Amino acid sequence: MKMKFNFLGGADIVGRMAMTIEGDNKTMLVEYGISPTKPPQYPLPVPGKIDHIFLTHSHLDHCGMIPAVCGKQNCELFTTPLSAEISELMMYDSLKIAKAEGYPEPYQAADIERTMQHVVPLTFEDTIELGHLDVTLHSAGHVPGATMFEFKGDNSTLYTGDIHTEDQKLVLGARPLDCKNLFIEGTYGGRNHPPKEDTINAFIAKIDEVIDRGGIVIVPVFAVGRTQEIMLLLKNLGYEMWVDGMGRSVTNLFLDYPEYIRNAKSLRAAKRTFNEVRNAGSRKRAIKGQIIVTTGGMLDGGPVLSYLHTLKDDPKNAILLVGYQADDTNGRMLMDQGCINLDGEVVKVACEVQKFDFSAHAGHDQIVQFIRDCDPENVIFMHSETRELFLPDLQDDYHVMLPEVNKPFELDV
C-alpha cells in the first residue's frame, strides 16, 4: 500500500515538527509543534481535513500547535495519557507567554479543552486498527511517556519522534524494531555525547566546589524530564536544595503514572529531599540555600530570572547549564558573551558559568547503531540541521532520504 508523506515543519531544523500521511482514504498528522523562538515559529497549515493525530511526546516543538487542528477539527489524538496531561500544561503555558509577550495567539483556551476531550489514551505495546493500518506504540526513551509509532500495513514503518537509546535515571532507552521504513530524528548529527558517568562526576564535583567556596548553585532546567533527571542525580548530596517552576507539577504527574518512569520510589525519594518553592516567601528562603533547580532551561523566562537578579553579581555563585541553548536565547548569550537580557537590559554576569551535556537525545553514533539494529531499507532523517553528516556512515547500506518541507514523497507502507 503506497502512502504519501509530507513534512509541514521540522524536517531540516530542530523544532516545529509536523508531518502528514495520506492514503487508505484518510489524512493523518504526526505531531504539530512550534519553535519557541521570539516570536514563535509555526509549521505550515494543515491541508484540509485531518482524521487522526499522533503525538510522540509533550515538548512544545512536537505538541505546541495541536489545539489549532484538534481543537478546531475535533479529530482523534493518539498519545499516552501522561503525554496528554503534560501537553495540556505546556499548551496553556504557551498561550500565557503569547499574551504576556504580545504575540498573536494561534488558538484559544477552548481549543485546548476540546483537544483534551479528543485524546485516545494508549500505552506502550497497545495496537489500534485504522483501516488497513495497525499502529503500535513503543517507548522512545526520551522522556517519560514519549512514544515511537509503528505503522504496519503491507510493511512496517517506524516513526521515532525524539529518542534516546541509552538508559537514563528517569527512563530506560529505546529499543530497535525491525522495519522497512525508519523515520528517525538526527538532532545530534555529527556530535556524540561524552560518557554519562564522566558528565555526572564532573557536574557533582563542580557543585561541591561552588558550595565549598560559599557560593550558591543555580541549575536552570526544562520542566519535562530534565528537572526530574537532575533531582535524581542530586538527591543523595545532603545539601539544602530547592526546586522551582513548572517542573514541580510535572514531577507530580510523573508520579501519577509510575508505569512510565524507571523507578517511582527513587523519584519520590528525590522529591522529598528538595524544598518546593510555592510563593514569594519561599523564593526568598531558596536564595539563602545551596542549590536551586528551576525553570526555564534557556533563561528566557520562568523563576530563574528572579534568582539571577539577586545572584548573578557574586563570582562565588555558579550557573550550571544542563540543556540545549538555542540561538537567540538568554542561555546562548550567556555562554557566548557572558551576559543576559534582564528586564530589557543586557547585563554582565559575574558568577561562574559552565555547561554539562545531559541531553535526552541519542548522539550520532547511537543513532547510527539504532538504524543498523532496525535494519530498514529506507532511512528518513528529520528534526536535524546536520542530517547530511549521517550519509558517510549509512549511504552504502541504506536508501537515506533527507526530505524537505512541503515536498511530498511516497513509500510502500
Protein backbone atom coordinates (compact mmCIF):
# COMPACT_ATOMS: atom_id res chain seq x y z
CA MET A 1 0.00 0.00 0.00
CA LYS A 2 1.53 3.31 -1.10
CA MET A 3 1.13 6.33 1.19
CA LYS A 4 2.19 9.95 0.70
CA PHE A 5 4.29 11.70 3.35
CA ASN A 6 4.80 15.45 3.63
CA PHE A 7 6.67 17.44 6.25
CA LEU A 8 4.93 20.67 7.22
CA GLY A 9 7.82 21.53 9.52
CA GLY A 10 10.80 20.12 11.37
CA ALA A 11 12.41 18.15 8.52
CA ASP A 12 15.66 20.11 8.32
CA ILE A 13 15.51 22.00 11.61
CA VAL A 14 15.17 21.14 15.29
CA GLY A 15 11.69 22.43 16.07
CA ARG A 16 8.08 22.79 14.85
CA MET A 17 7.73 19.11 13.94
CA ALA A 18 4.78 18.24 11.69
CA MET A 19 4.18 15.55 9.07
CA THR A 20 1.10 14.36 7.20
CA ILE A 21 0.45 10.81 5.98
CA GLU A 22 -2.12 10.43 3.20
CA GLY A 23 -3.59 7.18 1.92
CA ASP A 24 -6.17 4.49 2.65
CA ASN A 25 -8.86 7.20 2.29
CA LYS A 26 -7.58 9.28 5.20
CA THR A 27 -5.15 12.06 6.11
CA MET A 28 -3.22 11.72 9.37
CA LEU A 29 -0.99 14.21 11.15
CA VAL A 30 2.07 13.14 13.11
CA GLU A 31 2.90 15.90 15.61
CA TYR A 32 2.25 19.62 15.20
CA GLY A 33 4.69 21.71 17.19
CA ILE A 34 6.08 25.22 17.49
CA SER A 35 9.61 26.55 17.66
CA PRO A 36 9.54 28.59 20.89
CA THR A 37 11.62 31.40 19.40
CA LYS A 38 10.83 35.12 19.71
CA PRO A 39 8.30 35.33 18.15
CA PRO A 40 7.33 31.64 17.91
CA GLN A 41 7.60 29.93 14.52
CA TYR A 42 4.89 27.59 13.30
CA PRO A 43 4.66 24.70 10.83
CA LEU A 44 2.75 25.12 7.57
CA PRO A 45 -1.05 24.98 7.81
CA VAL A 46 -2.60 21.52 7.54
CA PRO A 47 -4.09 20.75 4.11
CA GLY A 48 -7.79 20.39 4.87
CA LYS A 49 -9.44 17.70 6.97
CA ILE A 50 -7.32 15.63 9.37
CA ASP A 51 -8.72 12.29 10.54
CA HIS A 52 -6.22 11.36 13.27
CA ILE A 53 -3.28 12.99 15.05
CA PHE A 54 -0.35 11.12 16.58
CA LEU A 55 1.69 12.81 19.32
CA THR A 56 5.01 11.29 20.39
CA HIS A 57 5.59 13.43 23.49
CA SER A 58 4.88 16.66 25.30
CA HIS A 59 7.71 19.04 24.35
CA LEU A 60 6.41 22.19 22.67
CA ASP A 61 8.25 21.60 19.40
CA HIS A 62 6.07 18.49 18.99
CA CYS A 63 2.76 19.35 20.71
CA GLY A 64 2.55 23.13 20.78
CA MET A 65 0.21 23.68 17.79
CA ILE A 66 -2.02 20.61 18.10
CA PRO A 67 -5.01 22.61 19.51
CA ALA A 68 -5.03 24.65 16.28
CA VAL A 69 -6.03 21.44 14.47
CA CYS A 70 -7.53 19.07 17.02
CA GLY A 71 -9.45 21.78 18.86
CA LYS A 72 -10.98 23.12 15.66
CA GLN A 73 -11.47 19.89 13.66
CA ASN A 74 -12.35 17.56 16.56
CA CYS A 75 -10.12 14.75 15.27
CA GLU A 76 -8.82 11.92 17.45
CA LEU A 77 -5.47 12.44 19.20
CA PHE A 78 -3.47 9.28 19.90
CA THR A 79 -0.83 9.54 22.63
CA THR A 80 -0.02 8.24 26.10
CA PRO A 81 -2.16 9.67 28.93
CA LEU A 82 0.96 11.12 30.58
CA SER A 83 2.00 12.95 27.39
CA ALA A 84 -1.57 14.26 27.04
CA GLU A 85 -1.65 15.70 30.56
CA ILE A 86 1.78 17.33 30.33
CA SER A 87 0.98 18.69 26.85
CA GLU A 88 -2.08 20.37 28.31
CA LEU A 89 0.17 22.18 30.83
CA MET A 90 2.56 23.19 28.04
CA MET A 91 -0.22 24.43 25.75
CA TYR A 92 -1.74 26.67 28.43
CA ASP A 93 1.72 27.96 29.32
CA SER A 94 2.35 28.71 25.63
CA LEU A 95 -0.87 30.76 25.50
CA LYS A 96 0.15 32.61 28.65
CA ILE A 97 3.53 33.50 27.14
CA ALA A 98 1.89 34.67 23.88
CA LYS A 99 -0.37 37.02 25.85
CA ALA A 100 2.49 38.30 28.02
CA GLU A 101 4.77 38.94 25.03
CA GLY A 102 2.05 40.36 22.76
CA TYR A 103 2.35 37.56 20.16
CA PRO A 104 -0.69 36.52 18.11
CA GLU A 105 -2.48 33.66 19.83
CA PRO A 106 -2.58 30.64 17.47
CA TYR A 107 -5.56 29.11 19.31
CA GLN A 108 -7.77 29.72 22.32
CA ALA A 109 -8.17 28.03 25.70
CA ALA A 110 -11.39 26.44 24.38
CA ASP A 111 -9.35 24.72 21.64
CA ILE A 112 -7.11 23.18 24.31
CA GLU A 113 -10.19 21.95 26.20
CA ARG A 114 -11.63 20.35 23.07
CA THR A 115 -8.25 18.79 22.25
CA MET A 116 -8.14 17.08 25.63
CA GLN A 117 -11.65 15.74 25.06
CA HIS A 118 -10.46 14.03 21.86
CA VAL A 119 -7.46 12.25 23.38
CA VAL A 120 -7.48 8.49 22.86
CA PRO A 121 -5.10 7.36 25.64
CA LEU A 122 -2.84 4.45 24.70
CA THR A 123 0.16 2.88 26.37
CA PHE A 124 3.29 1.08 25.16
CA GLU A 125 2.64 -2.09 23.13
CA ASP A 126 -1.02 -1.12 22.58
CA THR A 127 -2.15 -1.56 18.96
CA ILE A 128 -5.05 0.21 17.24
CA GLU A 129 -6.56 -0.65 13.86
CA LEU A 130 -7.08 2.22 11.44
CA GLY A 131 -8.39 0.84 8.16
CA HIS A 132 -5.60 -1.23 6.60
CA LEU A 133 -3.04 0.05 9.13
CA ASP A 134 -2.22 -1.31 12.57
CA VAL A 135 -0.47 1.25 14.77
CA THR A 136 1.57 0.14 17.80
CA LEU A 137 3.23 2.30 20.46
CA HIS A 138 6.75 1.66 21.79
CA SER A 139 8.82 3.55 24.36
CA ALA A 140 11.11 6.21 22.86
CA GLY A 141 13.38 6.52 25.92
CA HIS A 142 13.41 10.33 25.60
CA VAL A 143 11.21 11.48 28.50
CA PRO A 144 8.51 9.61 30.45
CA GLY A 145 5.53 8.86 28.23
CA ALA A 146 7.40 9.52 24.96
CA THR A 147 6.43 7.02 22.29
CA MET A 148 7.56 5.76 18.91
CA PHE A 149 4.75 4.85 16.49
CA GLU A 150 4.98 1.69 14.38
CA PHE A 151 2.66 1.73 11.35
CA LYS A 152 2.02 -1.73 9.87
CA GLY A 153 0.30 -2.25 6.54
CA ASP A 154 1.96 -4.49 3.98
CA ASN A 155 5.26 -3.34 5.51
CA SER A 156 6.41 -1.81 8.78
CA THR A 157 7.17 1.91 9.16
CA LEU A 158 8.65 3.24 12.42
CA TYR A 159 8.42 6.93 13.37
CA THR A 160 10.73 7.54 16.35
CA GLY A 161 9.98 11.12 17.35
CA ASP A 162 12.76 12.16 19.75
CA ILE A 163 14.68 9.16 21.09
CA HIS A 164 17.46 8.25 23.45
CA THR A 165 18.90 4.75 23.24
CA GLU A 166 20.89 4.98 26.48
CA ASP A 167 19.25 4.31 29.85
CA GLN A 168 18.77 7.43 31.97
CA LYS A 169 17.94 7.62 35.66
CA LEU A 170 14.38 8.62 34.75
CA VAL A 171 13.61 6.29 31.81
CA LEU A 172 15.10 3.28 30.02
CA GLY A 173 16.41 3.77 26.49
CA ALA A 174 14.51 3.00 23.27
CA ARG A 175 14.87 -0.47 21.78
CA PRO A 176 15.23 -1.05 18.00
CA LEU A 177 12.49 -2.68 15.88
CA ASP A 178 12.72 -4.39 12.51
CA CYS A 179 11.10 -2.16 9.88
CA LYS A 180 11.20 -1.31 6.18
CA ASN A 181 10.89 2.49 6.60
CA LEU A 182 12.52 4.31 9.50
CA PHE A 183 11.71 7.96 10.22
CA ILE A 184 14.35 8.98 12.75
CA GLU A 185 15.47 12.17 14.43
CA GLY A 186 19.01 13.40 13.76
CA THR A 187 19.34 16.21 16.31
CA TYR A 188 22.91 15.27 17.17
CA GLY A 189 24.16 14.56 13.66
CA GLY A 190 27.95 14.84 13.79
CA ARG A 191 28.09 15.04 17.60
CA ASN A 192 28.47 12.40 20.29
CA HIS A 193 27.81 12.76 24.00
CA PRO A 194 30.67 12.31 26.44
CA PRO A 195 30.42 9.20 28.67
CA LYS A 196 27.48 9.79 31.01
CA GLU A 197 29.32 8.84 34.21
CA ASP A 198 32.09 11.34 33.37
CA THR A 199 29.48 14.09 32.96
CA ILE A 200 27.73 13.19 36.22
CA ASN A 201 31.01 13.10 38.16
CA ALA A 202 32.16 16.46 36.75
CA PHE A 203 28.75 18.02 37.49
CA ILE A 204 28.72 16.88 41.12
CA ALA A 205 32.37 17.85 41.61
CA LYS A 206 31.58 21.37 40.36
CA ILE A 207 28.60 21.62 42.75
CA ASP A 208 30.82 20.56 45.68
CA GLU A 209 33.45 23.11 44.65
CA VAL A 210 30.95 26.01 44.44
CA ILE A 211 29.34 25.19 47.79
CA ASP A 212 32.76 24.72 49.45
CA ARG A 213 33.69 28.29 48.44
CA GLY A 214 30.43 29.64 49.92
CA GLY A 215 28.55 30.03 46.65
CA ILE A 216 25.03 29.11 45.54
CA VAL A 217 24.41 26.83 42.54
CA ILE A 218 21.63 27.69 40.07
CA VAL A 219 20.65 24.85 37.74
CA PRO A 220 18.26 26.12 35.01
CA VAL A 221 16.18 23.18 33.73
CA PHE A 222 13.40 22.25 31.35
CA ALA A 223 10.22 21.28 33.21
CA VAL A 224 9.65 17.98 31.39
CA GLY A 225 12.35 15.40 32.04
CA ARG A 226 15.41 17.48 32.87
CA THR A 227 14.09 18.78 36.22
CA GLN A 228 13.46 15.24 37.40
CA GLU A 229 16.70 13.77 35.99
CA ILE A 230 18.72 16.42 37.85
CA MET A 231 16.73 15.86 41.07
CA LEU A 232 17.53 12.13 40.85
CA LEU A 233 21.23 12.90 40.35
CA LEU A 234 21.39 15.25 43.36
CA LYS A 235 19.09 13.53 45.84
CA ASN A 236 21.84 11.98 47.99
CA LEU A 237 24.17 15.00 48.24
CA GLY A 238 22.79 16.26 51.56
CA TYR A 239 22.76 19.95 50.63
CA GLU A 240 19.88 22.40 51.15
CA MET A 241 18.16 22.12 47.79
CA TRP A 242 15.15 23.90 46.30
CA VAL A 243 13.06 23.21 43.20
CA ASP A 244 11.00 25.94 41.50
CA GLY A 245 8.78 26.28 38.44
CA MET A 246 6.55 24.06 36.32
CA GLY A 247 8.86 21.09 36.89
CA ARG A 248 7.18 20.61 40.29
CA SER A 249 3.81 19.96 38.63
CA VAL A 250 5.40 17.68 36.04
CA THR A 251 7.12 15.64 38.76
CA ASN A 252 3.73 15.05 40.40
CA LEU A 253 2.28 13.95 37.04
CA PHE A 254 5.17 11.52 36.53
CA LEU A 255 4.39 10.02 39.94
CA ASP A 256 0.71 9.74 38.97
CA TYR A 257 1.85 7.49 36.08
CA PRO A 258 4.63 5.38 37.62
CA GLU A 259 4.48 2.87 34.75
CA TYR A 260 6.26 5.43 32.53
CA ILE A 261 9.25 6.05 34.80
CA ARG A 262 12.15 3.78 35.61
CA ASN A 263 11.87 3.94 39.41
CA ALA A 264 8.96 5.75 41.04
CA LYS A 265 10.30 5.03 44.53
CA SER A 266 13.56 6.79 43.66
CA LEU A 267 11.75 9.83 42.22
CA ARG A 268 9.55 10.08 45.33
CA ALA A 269 12.72 9.99 47.45
CA ALA A 270 14.25 12.76 45.31
CA LYS A 271 11.10 14.86 45.70
CA ARG A 272 11.37 14.57 49.49
CA THR A 273 14.98 15.83 49.52
CA PHE A 274 14.03 19.08 47.75
CA ASN A 275 12.22 22.03 49.29
CA GLU A 276 9.47 23.23 46.96
CA VAL A 277 9.18 26.93 46.14
CA ARG A 278 5.48 27.75 46.27
CA ASN A 279 5.39 31.54 46.79
CA ALA A 280 7.50 34.69 47.05
CA GLY A 281 8.37 33.94 50.68
CA SER A 282 9.86 30.53 49.94
CA ARG A 283 11.70 32.02 46.93
CA LYS A 284 13.49 34.37 49.36
CA ARG A 285 14.43 31.40 51.53
CA ALA A 286 15.68 29.48 48.48
CA ILE A 287 18.20 32.26 47.73
CA LYS A 288 19.76 31.54 51.13
CA GLY A 289 20.04 27.81 50.35
CA GLN A 290 22.77 25.98 48.43
CA ILE A 291 21.24 24.55 45.21
CA ILE A 292 18.30 25.93 43.21
CA VAL A 293 16.89 23.76 40.39
CA THR A 294 14.50 25.96 38.44
CA THR A 295 12.78 26.56 35.10
CA GLY A 296 13.39 27.95 32.50
CA GLY A 297 16.11 25.93 30.91
CA MET A 298 17.25 28.57 28.37
CA LEU A 299 16.97 31.50 30.84
CA ASP A 300 14.30 33.20 28.72
CA GLY A 301 11.51 33.09 31.28
CA GLY A 302 10.34 31.44 34.45
CA PRO A 303 11.59 31.79 38.03
CA VAL A 304 15.26 31.52 37.03
CA LEU A 305 15.25 35.21 36.09
CA SER A 306 14.29 36.32 39.59
CA TYR A 307 17.19 34.31 41.04
CA LEU A 308 19.62 35.75 38.51
CA HIS A 309 18.67 39.29 39.56
CA THR A 310 19.95 38.51 43.05
CA LEU A 311 22.77 36.03 42.46
CA LYS A 312 24.44 36.99 39.15
CA ASP A 313 26.94 39.51 40.57
CA ASP A 314 28.70 37.22 43.06
CA PRO A 315 31.61 35.31 41.47
CA LYS A 316 31.32 32.66 44.20
CA ASN A 317 27.98 31.59 42.71
CA ALA A 318 27.60 29.40 39.61
CA ILE A 319 25.05 28.86 36.85
CA LEU A 320 25.32 25.26 35.66
CA LEU A 321 23.55 24.79 32.31
CA VAL A 322 22.29 21.25 31.70
CA GLY A 323 20.25 21.60 28.50
CA TYR A 324 20.30 22.74 24.89
CA GLN A 325 20.69 26.51 24.46
CA ALA A 326 19.07 27.61 21.20
CA ASP A 327 20.24 30.60 19.17
CA ASP A 328 18.72 33.94 20.24
CA THR A 329 18.14 32.75 23.82
CA ASN A 330 19.50 34.18 27.05
CA GLY A 331 21.28 30.90 27.69
CA ARG A 332 23.17 31.09 24.41
CA MET A 333 24.03 34.75 25.04
CA LEU A 334 25.34 33.81 28.48
CA MET A 335 27.53 31.07 27.02
CA ASP A 336 28.86 33.20 24.17
CA GLN A 337 29.07 36.67 25.68
CA GLY A 338 28.85 36.30 29.48
CA CYS A 339 25.74 38.46 29.71
CA ILE A 340 21.95 38.12 29.70
CA ASN A 341 18.89 40.25 28.99
CA LEU A 342 17.10 41.11 32.23
CA ASP A 343 14.00 43.32 32.00
CA GLY A 344 15.05 44.59 28.57
CA GLU A 345 18.59 45.49 29.61
CA VAL A 346 21.70 43.46 28.69
CA VAL A 347 23.74 42.96 31.86
CA LYS A 348 27.04 41.21 32.62
CA VAL A 349 27.03 38.06 34.73
CA ALA A 350 29.88 37.82 37.22
CA CYS A 351 29.21 34.33 38.56
CA GLU A 352 30.77 31.21 37.08
CA VAL A 353 29.02 29.63 34.08
CA GLN A 354 29.54 26.04 32.94
CA LYS A 355 27.58 23.72 30.61
CA PHE A 356 27.11 19.97 31.05
CA ASP A 357 25.76 17.55 28.45
CA PHE A 358 22.68 15.86 29.92
CA SER A 359 20.87 15.55 26.60
CA ALA A 360 17.85 13.23 26.34
CA HIS A 361 18.59 12.71 22.61
CA ALA A 362 20.71 9.94 21.13
CA GLY A 363 24.15 11.02 19.91
CA HIS A 364 25.44 10.47 16.37
CA ASP A 365 26.95 7.01 16.88
CA GLN A 366 23.95 5.89 18.95
CA ILE A 367 21.60 6.87 16.12
CA VAL A 368 23.72 5.02 13.56
CA GLN A 369 23.73 1.90 15.73
CA PHE A 370 19.94 2.14 16.27
CA ILE A 371 19.44 2.32 12.50
CA ARG A 372 21.67 -0.71 11.91
CA ASP A 373 19.78 -2.66 14.59
CA CYS A 374 16.43 -1.79 12.96
CA ASP A 375 17.88 -2.73 9.55
CA PRO A 376 15.41 -0.81 7.36
CA GLU A 377 15.51 -0.33 3.60
CA ASN A 378 14.71 3.40 3.80
CA VAL A 379 16.04 5.81 6.42
CA ILE A 380 14.28 9.18 6.54
CA PHE A 381 16.02 11.82 8.67
CA MET A 382 14.11 14.64 10.38
CA HIS A 383 14.47 17.04 13.33
CA SER A 384 18.05 17.90 12.37
CA GLU A 385 20.14 20.71 10.95
CA THR A 386 23.09 18.37 10.25
CA ARG A 387 21.40 15.39 8.58
CA GLU A 388 23.96 15.13 5.79
CA LEU A 389 26.62 14.17 8.36
CA PHE A 390 24.98 10.75 8.64
CA LEU A 391 25.47 9.98 4.95
CA PRO A 392 29.07 8.69 5.12
CA ASP A 393 28.05 6.12 7.77
CA LEU A 394 24.87 4.91 6.09
CA GLN A 395 24.52 5.63 2.38
CA ASP A 396 26.33 2.48 1.22
CA ASP A 397 23.93 0.22 3.13
CA TYR A 398 20.58 2.05 3.13
CA HIS A 399 18.46 4.34 0.99
CA VAL A 400 18.87 7.53 3.02
CA MET A 401 16.35 10.34 2.47
CA LEU A 402 16.67 13.96 3.61
CA PRO A 403 13.16 15.30 2.90
CA GLU A 404 12.42 19.00 2.61
CA VAL A 405 9.40 20.86 3.93
CA ASN A 406 6.36 20.73 1.62
CA LYS A 407 7.99 18.32 -0.85
CA PRO A 408 5.81 15.15 -0.62
CA PHE A 409 7.17 11.67 -1.27
CA GLU A 410 5.69 8.18 -1.40
CA LEU A 411 6.64 4.97 0.40
CA ASP A 412 5.28 1.44 0.49
CA VAL A 413 3.69 1.03 3.93
